[in-house]
Amino acid sequence: MIASTEQTAPAEIRPATPGDLPRVEQLLTQNDLPLDGIPASLDGFVVAEANGELVGVAGIETCCDDALLRSVAVRPEWRSHGIGRALVTQAILNSESRGMRALYLLTTTAERYFPSFGFKRIDRAEVPQAVRETQEFAKACPETATVMARSLRD
């Protein structure tokens, strides 16, 4: 659990459920993140919930032996409380436990955030074809987005 500095209950990190889909989509929309492919990959998402409210989300879209980290968002009033870090860490752990080879991501705003998790900037051409064929990679994110990768195996 992640404690809040406010007079609220701590946030619980848990797997997303089908019932979370409307709240996940609402949070992503509020953060200007694409919704393409969300329903099909919701089983790879984790959410942060506090006081019955969805306060954060991070998703993994599986692509053969690799995965795409996507849709990382935290409600503004819950930022700087460790929610994003906990969500990304859990998403990485989930990818490792599923035997994924590497994790990729696209970002237009958080290039300096993800290196603390072991992500490194790479060229788009280095991304495996299965990841490049995801809706997020192929259509939803602009060509100018920074591409990053993190190996999950030694």
N, C-alpha and C. Protein backbone atom coordinates (compact mmCIF):
# COMPACT_ATOMS: atom_id res chain seq x y z
N MET A 1 0.83 -1.18 0.00
CA MET A 1 0.00 0.00 0.00
C MET A 1 0.87 1.25 0.00
N ILE A 2 0.35 2.28 -0.58
CA ILE A 2 1.03 3.57 -0.66
C ILE A 2 0.27 4.54 0.23
N ALA A 3 0.97 5.14 1.15
CA ALA A 3 0.32 6.09 2.05
C ALA A 3 0.20 7.45 1.38
N SER A 4 -0.85 8.14 1.70
CA SER A 4 -1.05 9.50 1.23
C SER A 4 -0.71 10.45 2.37
N THR A 5 -0.24 11.63 2.04
CA THR A 5 0.04 12.61 3.08
C THR A 5 -1.24 13.36 3.45
N GLU A 6 -2.31 13.12 2.71
CA GLU A 6 -3.58 13.76 3.00
C GLU A 6 -4.36 12.90 3.99
N GLN A 7 -5.47 13.39 4.47
CA GLN A 7 -6.31 12.66 5.40
C GLN A 7 -7.20 11.68 4.64
N THR A 8 -6.60 10.78 3.92
CA THR A 8 -7.32 9.79 3.14
C THR A 8 -6.72 8.42 3.39
N ALA A 9 -7.43 7.41 2.95
CA ALA A 9 -6.92 6.05 3.07
C ALA A 9 -5.74 5.87 2.12
N PRO A 10 -4.83 4.95 2.44
CA PRO A 10 -3.72 4.68 1.52
C PRO A 10 -4.23 4.07 0.22
N ALA A 11 -3.44 4.22 -0.82
CA ALA A 11 -3.80 3.65 -2.12
C ALA A 11 -3.37 2.19 -2.16
N GLU A 12 -4.22 1.36 -2.70
CA GLU A 12 -3.93 -0.06 -2.87
C GLU A 12 -3.63 -0.31 -4.34
N ILE A 13 -2.53 -1.00 -4.62
CA ILE A 13 -2.18 -1.39 -5.98
C ILE A 13 -2.73 -2.79 -6.20
N ARG A 14 -3.50 -2.95 -7.28
CA ARG A 14 -4.12 -4.26 -7.55
C ARG A 14 -4.30 -4.43 -9.05
N PRO A 15 -4.52 -5.69 -9.50
CA PRO A 15 -4.80 -5.91 -10.92
C PRO A 15 -6.11 -5.23 -11.32
N ALA A 16 -6.16 -4.71 -12.52
CA ALA A 16 -7.39 -4.12 -13.03
C ALA A 16 -8.40 -5.22 -13.32
N THR A 17 -9.68 -4.88 -13.18
CA THR A 17 -10.76 -5.80 -13.49
C THR A 17 -11.60 -5.21 -14.62
N PRO A 18 -12.41 -6.01 -15.28
CA PRO A 18 -13.26 -5.46 -16.34
C PRO A 18 -14.14 -4.30 -15.85
N GLY A 19 -14.55 -4.33 -14.59
CA GLY A 19 -15.36 -3.25 -14.05
C GLY A 19 -14.61 -1.93 -13.91
N ASP A 20 -13.28 -1.99 -13.96
CA ASP A 20 -12.47 -0.77 -13.88
C ASP A 20 -12.37 -0.03 -15.20
N LEU A 21 -12.74 -0.68 -16.30
CA LEU A 21 -12.50 -0.11 -17.63
C LEU A 21 -13.01 1.32 -17.78
N PRO A 22 -14.25 1.65 -17.41
CA PRO A 22 -14.69 3.04 -17.59
C PRO A 22 -13.84 4.04 -16.82
N ARG A 23 -13.44 3.68 -15.59
CA ARG A 23 -12.63 4.61 -14.79
C ARG A 23 -11.20 4.71 -15.33
N VAL A 24 -10.66 3.60 -15.85
CA VAL A 24 -9.34 3.63 -16.48
C VAL A 24 -9.38 4.56 -17.69
N GLU A 25 -10.38 4.37 -18.55
CA GLU A 25 -10.49 5.21 -19.74
C GLU A 25 -10.68 6.68 -19.38
N GLN A 26 -11.45 6.96 -18.34
CA GLN A 26 -11.65 8.35 -17.90
C GLN A 26 -10.34 8.96 -17.44
N LEU A 27 -9.57 8.24 -16.64
CA LEU A 27 -8.28 8.75 -16.14
C LEU A 27 -7.31 8.98 -17.29
N LEU A 28 -7.27 8.05 -18.23
CA LEU A 28 -6.37 8.21 -19.38
C LEU A 28 -6.78 9.41 -20.24
N THR A 29 -8.06 9.58 -20.45
CA THR A 29 -8.56 10.73 -21.21
C THR A 29 -8.18 12.03 -20.52
N GLN A 30 -8.34 12.08 -19.20
CA GLN A 30 -7.99 13.29 -18.44
C GLN A 30 -6.50 13.61 -18.53
N ASN A 31 -5.69 12.59 -18.82
CA ASN A 31 -4.24 12.77 -18.92
C ASN A 31 -3.76 12.79 -20.38
N ASP A 32 -4.70 12.96 -21.31
CA ASP A 32 -4.38 13.03 -22.74
C ASP A 32 -3.61 11.82 -23.25
N LEU A 33 -3.95 10.64 -22.74
CA LEU A 33 -3.32 9.40 -23.19
C LEU A 33 -4.30 8.62 -24.07
N PRO A 34 -3.78 7.90 -25.06
CA PRO A 34 -4.65 7.19 -26.00
C PRO A 34 -5.39 6.01 -25.37
N LEU A 35 -6.58 5.74 -25.90
CA LEU A 35 -7.40 4.64 -25.42
C LEU A 35 -7.33 3.42 -26.34
N ASP A 36 -6.67 3.56 -27.48
CA ASP A 36 -6.58 2.48 -28.45
C ASP A 36 -6.04 1.20 -27.80
N GLY A 37 -6.76 0.11 -27.96
CA GLY A 37 -6.29 -1.19 -27.49
C GLY A 37 -6.48 -1.46 -26.01
N ILE A 38 -7.04 -0.53 -25.27
CA ILE A 38 -7.18 -0.71 -23.81
C ILE A 38 -8.05 -1.92 -23.47
N PRO A 39 -9.27 -2.05 -23.99
CA PRO A 39 -10.09 -3.20 -23.59
C PRO A 39 -9.41 -4.55 -23.82
N ALA A 40 -8.71 -4.68 -24.93
CA ALA A 40 -8.06 -5.96 -25.26
C ALA A 40 -6.87 -6.27 -24.37
N SER A 41 -6.26 -5.27 -23.77
CA SER A 41 -5.08 -5.51 -22.94
C SER A 41 -5.31 -5.22 -21.46
N LEU A 42 -6.56 -5.00 -21.06
CA LEU A 42 -6.87 -4.63 -19.66
C LEU A 42 -6.37 -5.67 -18.66
N ASP A 43 -6.29 -6.94 -19.06
CA ASP A 43 -5.82 -7.97 -18.13
C ASP A 43 -4.35 -7.78 -17.75
N GLY A 44 -3.63 -6.92 -18.44
CA GLY A 44 -2.24 -6.60 -18.11
C GLY A 44 -2.09 -5.29 -17.35
N PHE A 45 -3.18 -4.71 -16.93
CA PHE A 45 -3.15 -3.42 -16.25
C PHE A 45 -3.18 -3.59 -14.73
N VAL A 46 -2.57 -2.63 -14.05
CA VAL A 46 -2.69 -2.51 -12.60
C VAL A 46 -3.23 -1.13 -12.30
N VAL A 47 -3.97 -1.04 -11.21
CA VAL A 47 -4.56 0.23 -10.81
C VAL A 47 -4.22 0.54 -9.36
N ALA A 48 -4.28 1.80 -9.03
CA ALA A 48 -4.18 2.26 -7.64
C ALA A 48 -5.55 2.78 -7.27
N GLU A 49 -6.04 2.33 -6.12
CA GLU A 49 -7.36 2.73 -5.68
C GLU A 49 -7.29 3.20 -4.24
N ALA A 50 -7.98 4.29 -3.95
CA ALA A 50 -8.05 4.83 -2.59
C ALA A 50 -9.45 5.39 -2.37
N ASN A 51 -10.01 5.08 -1.24
CA ASN A 51 -11.35 5.58 -0.91
C ASN A 51 -12.37 5.25 -1.99
N GLY A 52 -12.21 4.10 -2.65
CA GLY A 52 -13.12 3.70 -3.71
C GLY A 52 -12.90 4.42 -5.02
N GLU A 53 -11.91 5.28 -5.08
CA GLU A 53 -11.60 6.04 -6.30
C GLU A 53 -10.37 5.47 -6.98
N LEU A 54 -10.40 5.41 -8.31
CA LEU A 54 -9.24 5.01 -9.08
C LEU A 54 -8.31 6.22 -9.16
N VAL A 55 -7.11 6.12 -8.60
CA VAL A 55 -6.20 7.26 -8.56
C VAL A 55 -4.97 7.10 -9.45
N GLY A 56 -4.77 5.89 -10.01
CA GLY A 56 -3.64 5.67 -10.89
C GLY A 56 -3.79 4.40 -11.69
N VAL A 57 -3.04 4.32 -12.77
CA VAL A 57 -3.11 3.16 -13.66
C VAL A 57 -1.78 3.01 -14.40
N ALA A 58 -1.45 1.77 -14.72
CA ALA A 58 -0.32 1.46 -15.61
C ALA A 58 -0.66 0.16 -16.30
N GLY A 59 -0.32 0.05 -17.58
CA GLY A 59 -0.68 -1.13 -18.33
C GLY A 59 0.48 -1.79 -19.03
N ILE A 60 0.34 -3.08 -19.21
CA ILE A 60 1.27 -3.88 -20.00
C ILE A 60 0.48 -4.52 -21.12
N GLU A 61 0.94 -4.30 -22.35
CA GLU A 61 0.34 -4.95 -23.51
C GLU A 61 1.36 -5.98 -24.00
N THR A 62 0.98 -7.25 -23.91
CA THR A 62 1.88 -8.34 -24.26
C THR A 62 1.98 -8.49 -25.78
N CYS A 63 3.21 -8.66 -26.25
CA CYS A 63 3.50 -8.78 -27.68
C CYS A 63 4.50 -9.93 -27.86
N CYS A 64 4.02 -11.16 -27.96
CA CYS A 64 4.87 -12.35 -28.03
C CYS A 64 5.72 -12.43 -26.77
N ASP A 65 7.06 -12.37 -26.91
CA ASP A 65 7.96 -12.45 -25.76
C ASP A 65 8.31 -11.09 -25.18
N ASP A 66 7.76 -10.04 -25.74
CA ASP A 66 8.03 -8.68 -25.29
C ASP A 66 6.72 -8.04 -24.83
N ALA A 67 6.83 -6.85 -24.26
CA ALA A 67 5.64 -6.15 -23.81
C ALA A 67 5.83 -4.65 -23.97
N LEU A 68 4.70 -3.96 -24.04
CA LEU A 68 4.68 -2.51 -24.15
C LEU A 68 4.11 -1.95 -22.86
N LEU A 69 4.91 -1.15 -22.14
CA LEU A 69 4.42 -0.43 -20.97
C LEU A 69 3.67 0.78 -21.49
N ARG A 70 2.42 0.92 -21.06
CA ARG A 70 1.61 2.01 -21.59
C ARG A 70 0.65 2.53 -20.54
N SER A 71 0.08 3.65 -20.83
CA SER A 71 -1.04 4.17 -20.05
C SER A 71 -0.72 4.40 -18.59
N VAL A 72 0.45 4.94 -18.31
CA VAL A 72 0.81 5.26 -16.92
C VAL A 72 0.26 6.66 -16.61
N ALA A 73 -0.65 6.70 -15.65
CA ALA A 73 -1.27 7.98 -15.29
C ALA A 73 -1.66 7.96 -13.82
N VAL A 74 -1.53 9.13 -13.18
CA VAL A 74 -1.91 9.30 -11.77
C VAL A 74 -2.71 10.60 -11.68
N ARG A 75 -3.80 10.55 -10.92
CA ARG A 75 -4.59 11.76 -10.72
C ARG A 75 -3.71 12.85 -10.12
N PRO A 76 -3.87 14.10 -10.56
CA PRO A 76 -2.98 15.18 -10.11
C PRO A 76 -2.83 15.29 -8.60
N GLU A 77 -3.90 15.15 -7.86
CA GLU A 77 -3.82 15.30 -6.40
C GLU A 77 -3.09 14.14 -5.72
N TRP A 78 -2.82 13.07 -6.46
CA TRP A 78 -2.10 11.92 -5.91
C TRP A 78 -0.66 11.83 -6.43
N ARG A 79 -0.25 12.77 -7.25
CA ARG A 79 1.13 12.76 -7.75
C ARG A 79 2.09 13.12 -6.61
N SER A 80 3.31 12.67 -6.74
CA SER A 80 4.37 12.90 -5.74
C SER A 80 4.09 12.17 -4.43
N HIS A 81 3.30 11.10 -4.50
CA HIS A 81 3.03 10.26 -3.33
C HIS A 81 3.55 8.84 -3.56
N GLY A 82 4.29 8.61 -4.65
CA GLY A 82 4.84 7.28 -4.92
C GLY A 82 3.90 6.36 -5.68
N ILE A 83 2.74 6.85 -6.08
CA ILE A 83 1.77 6.01 -6.79
C ILE A 83 2.31 5.57 -8.15
N GLY A 84 2.81 6.51 -8.94
CA GLY A 84 3.34 6.17 -10.25
C GLY A 84 4.48 5.18 -10.15
N ARG A 85 5.38 5.41 -9.21
CA ARG A 85 6.52 4.51 -9.02
C ARG A 85 6.04 3.11 -8.65
N ALA A 86 5.07 3.03 -7.77
CA ALA A 86 4.54 1.72 -7.35
C ALA A 86 3.86 1.01 -8.53
N LEU A 87 3.12 1.75 -9.33
CA LEU A 87 2.43 1.16 -10.48
C LEU A 87 3.43 0.64 -11.52
N VAL A 88 4.43 1.45 -11.86
CA VAL A 88 5.42 1.03 -12.85
C VAL A 88 6.22 -0.15 -12.32
N THR A 89 6.60 -0.11 -11.05
CA THR A 89 7.34 -1.23 -10.46
C THR A 89 6.52 -2.52 -10.54
N GLN A 90 5.23 -2.43 -10.21
CA GLN A 90 4.38 -3.62 -10.27
C GLN A 90 4.22 -4.11 -11.71
N ALA A 91 4.09 -3.20 -12.65
CA ALA A 91 3.98 -3.59 -14.06
C ALA A 91 5.25 -4.31 -14.52
N ILE A 92 6.41 -3.83 -14.10
CA ILE A 92 7.67 -4.49 -14.45
C ILE A 92 7.72 -5.88 -13.82
N LEU A 93 7.38 -5.99 -12.55
CA LEU A 93 7.37 -7.29 -11.87
C LEU A 93 6.42 -8.27 -12.55
N ASN A 94 5.24 -7.79 -12.94
CA ASN A 94 4.28 -8.64 -13.63
C ASN A 94 4.84 -9.13 -14.97
N SER A 95 5.54 -8.26 -15.68
CA SER A 95 6.15 -8.64 -16.96
C SER A 95 7.23 -9.68 -16.76
N GLU A 96 8.04 -9.49 -15.73
CA GLU A 96 9.09 -10.46 -15.43
C GLU A 96 8.49 -11.81 -15.07
N SER A 97 7.44 -11.80 -14.25
CA SER A 97 6.83 -13.06 -13.82
C SER A 97 6.16 -13.79 -14.99
N ARG A 98 5.77 -13.07 -16.02
CA ARG A 98 5.19 -13.69 -17.22
C ARG A 98 6.27 -14.14 -18.21
N GLY A 99 7.52 -13.93 -17.86
CA GLY A 99 8.62 -14.39 -18.71
C GLY A 99 8.91 -13.51 -19.91
N MET A 100 8.49 -12.25 -19.85
CA MET A 100 8.76 -11.34 -20.97
C MET A 100 10.26 -11.11 -21.12
N ARG A 101 10.70 -10.93 -22.34
CA ARG A 101 12.11 -10.69 -22.64
C ARG A 101 12.50 -9.23 -22.39
N ALA A 102 11.64 -8.31 -22.83
CA ALA A 102 11.94 -6.88 -22.69
C ALA A 102 10.64 -6.10 -22.64
N LEU A 103 10.77 -4.90 -22.11
CA LEU A 103 9.63 -3.99 -21.98
C LEU A 103 9.97 -2.72 -22.75
N TYR A 104 9.04 -2.25 -23.55
CA TYR A 104 9.21 -1.05 -24.37
C TYR A 104 8.17 -0.02 -23.97
N LEU A 105 8.44 1.24 -24.26
CA LEU A 105 7.46 2.29 -24.00
C LEU A 105 7.68 3.44 -24.96
N LEU A 106 6.63 4.22 -25.11
CA LEU A 106 6.64 5.47 -25.88
C LEU A 106 6.23 6.58 -24.93
N THR A 107 6.92 7.71 -24.99
CA THR A 107 6.52 8.84 -24.15
C THR A 107 6.79 10.15 -24.87
N THR A 108 5.91 11.09 -24.62
CA THR A 108 6.12 12.44 -25.14
C THR A 108 6.41 13.41 -24.00
N THR A 109 6.29 12.93 -22.75
CA THR A 109 6.44 13.84 -21.61
C THR A 109 7.33 13.34 -20.48
N ALA A 110 7.65 12.05 -20.45
CA ALA A 110 8.33 11.48 -19.28
C ALA A 110 9.65 10.80 -19.58
N GLU A 111 10.37 11.30 -20.56
CA GLU A 111 11.65 10.70 -20.94
C GLU A 111 12.64 10.68 -19.78
N ARG A 112 12.58 11.66 -18.89
CA ARG A 112 13.53 11.71 -17.77
C ARG A 112 13.07 10.89 -16.57
N TYR A 113 11.83 10.44 -16.57
CA TYR A 113 11.29 9.66 -15.45
C TYR A 113 11.69 8.18 -15.53
N PHE A 114 11.63 7.61 -16.71
CA PHE A 114 11.77 6.16 -16.85
C PHE A 114 13.18 5.59 -16.71
N PRO A 115 14.26 6.34 -16.92
CA PRO A 115 15.58 5.76 -16.68
C PRO A 115 15.78 5.24 -15.25
N SER A 116 15.07 5.81 -14.29
CA SER A 116 15.22 5.32 -12.90
C SER A 116 14.69 3.90 -12.74
N PHE A 117 13.96 3.39 -13.73
CA PHE A 117 13.48 2.01 -13.72
C PHE A 117 14.32 1.11 -14.62
N GLY A 118 15.40 1.67 -15.17
CA GLY A 118 16.27 0.89 -16.05
C GLY A 118 15.95 1.02 -17.53
N PHE A 119 15.06 1.93 -17.91
CA PHE A 119 14.76 2.13 -19.32
C PHE A 119 15.82 3.01 -19.96
N LYS A 120 16.14 2.67 -21.22
CA LYS A 120 17.10 3.44 -22.00
C LYS A 120 16.45 3.84 -23.32
N ARG A 121 16.81 5.02 -23.79
CA ARG A 121 16.30 5.50 -25.07
C ARG A 121 16.88 4.64 -26.19
N ILE A 122 16.01 4.27 -27.14
CA ILE A 122 16.45 3.49 -28.30
C ILE A 122 15.82 4.06 -29.56
N ASP A 123 16.26 3.58 -30.70
CA ASP A 123 15.70 3.97 -31.99
C ASP A 123 14.46 3.12 -32.27
N ARG A 124 13.48 3.69 -32.92
CA ARG A 124 12.24 2.97 -33.25
C ARG A 124 12.53 1.67 -34.00
N ALA A 125 13.55 1.67 -34.85
CA ALA A 125 13.87 0.49 -35.65
C ALA A 125 14.33 -0.69 -34.79
N GLU A 126 14.74 -0.44 -33.55
CA GLU A 126 15.19 -1.51 -32.66
C GLU A 126 14.04 -2.24 -31.98
N VAL A 127 12.84 -1.72 -32.09
CA VAL A 127 11.68 -2.30 -31.42
C VAL A 127 11.19 -3.51 -32.22
N PRO A 128 10.93 -4.64 -31.55
CA PRO A 128 10.44 -5.83 -32.25
C PRO A 128 9.14 -5.55 -33.01
N GLN A 129 8.97 -6.25 -34.11
CA GLN A 129 7.82 -6.05 -34.99
C GLN A 129 6.49 -6.18 -34.24
N ALA A 130 6.37 -7.16 -33.36
CA ALA A 130 5.10 -7.37 -32.65
C ALA A 130 4.72 -6.15 -31.81
N VAL A 131 5.70 -5.49 -31.23
CA VAL A 131 5.44 -4.28 -30.44
C VAL A 131 5.08 -3.12 -31.37
N ARG A 132 5.78 -3.03 -32.49
CA ARG A 132 5.50 -1.95 -33.45
C ARG A 132 4.10 -2.07 -34.05
N GLU A 133 3.52 -3.27 -34.02
CA GLU A 133 2.19 -3.47 -34.59
C GLU A 133 1.05 -3.19 -33.61
N THR A 134 1.37 -2.86 -32.36
CA THR A 134 0.31 -2.51 -31.41
C THR A 134 -0.36 -1.22 -31.87
N GLN A 135 -1.62 -1.05 -31.49
CA GLN A 135 -2.34 0.16 -31.86
C GLN A 135 -1.66 1.40 -31.30
N GLU A 136 -1.17 1.31 -30.07
CA GLU A 136 -0.52 2.46 -29.46
C GLU A 136 0.72 2.87 -30.24
N PHE A 137 1.53 1.88 -30.61
CA PHE A 137 2.78 2.17 -31.31
C PHE A 137 2.51 2.61 -32.75
N ALA A 138 1.63 1.90 -33.42
CA ALA A 138 1.40 2.14 -34.85
C ALA A 138 0.53 3.36 -35.13
N LYS A 139 -0.43 3.65 -34.24
CA LYS A 139 -1.40 4.69 -34.57
C LYS A 139 -1.55 5.78 -33.52
N ALA A 140 -1.56 5.41 -32.25
CA ALA A 140 -1.97 6.34 -31.20
C ALA A 140 -0.89 7.34 -30.80
N CYS A 141 0.36 6.92 -30.75
CA CYS A 141 1.44 7.83 -30.33
C CYS A 141 2.12 8.44 -31.54
N PRO A 142 2.50 9.69 -31.44
CA PRO A 142 3.13 10.35 -32.59
C PRO A 142 4.53 9.81 -32.87
N GLU A 143 4.95 9.96 -34.11
CA GLU A 143 6.29 9.54 -34.52
C GLU A 143 7.38 10.24 -33.71
N THR A 144 7.06 11.39 -33.15
CA THR A 144 8.04 12.16 -32.39
C THR A 144 8.21 11.64 -30.95
N ALA A 145 7.37 10.68 -30.54
CA ALA A 145 7.48 10.14 -29.18
C ALA A 145 8.83 9.47 -28.98
N THR A 146 9.36 9.62 -27.79
CA THR A 146 10.60 8.96 -27.42
C THR A 146 10.32 7.48 -27.18
N VAL A 147 11.19 6.62 -27.71
CA VAL A 147 11.06 5.17 -27.54
C VAL A 147 12.12 4.73 -26.54
N MET A 148 11.70 3.92 -25.57
CA MET A 148 12.61 3.44 -24.54
C MET A 148 12.41 1.94 -24.35
N ALA A 149 13.44 1.28 -23.83
CA ALA A 149 13.38 -0.17 -23.61
C ALA A 149 14.10 -0.53 -22.32
N ARG A 150 13.66 -1.65 -21.75
CA ARG A 150 14.28 -2.21 -20.54
C ARG A 150 14.30 -3.72 -20.71
N SER A 151 15.48 -4.30 -20.60
CA SER A 151 15.60 -5.75 -20.65
C SER A 151 15.05 -6.34 -19.37
N LEU A 152 14.36 -7.48 -19.48
CA LEU A 152 13.81 -8.15 -18.31
C LEU A 152 14.52 -9.46 -18.01
N ARG A 153 15.45 -9.83 -18.89
CA ARG A 153 16.22 -11.07 -18.70
C ARG A 153 17.70 -10.72 -18.73
N ASP A 154 18.46 -11.49 -18.00
CA ASP A 154 19.93 -11.27 -18.00
C ASP A 154 20.55 -11.75 -19.28
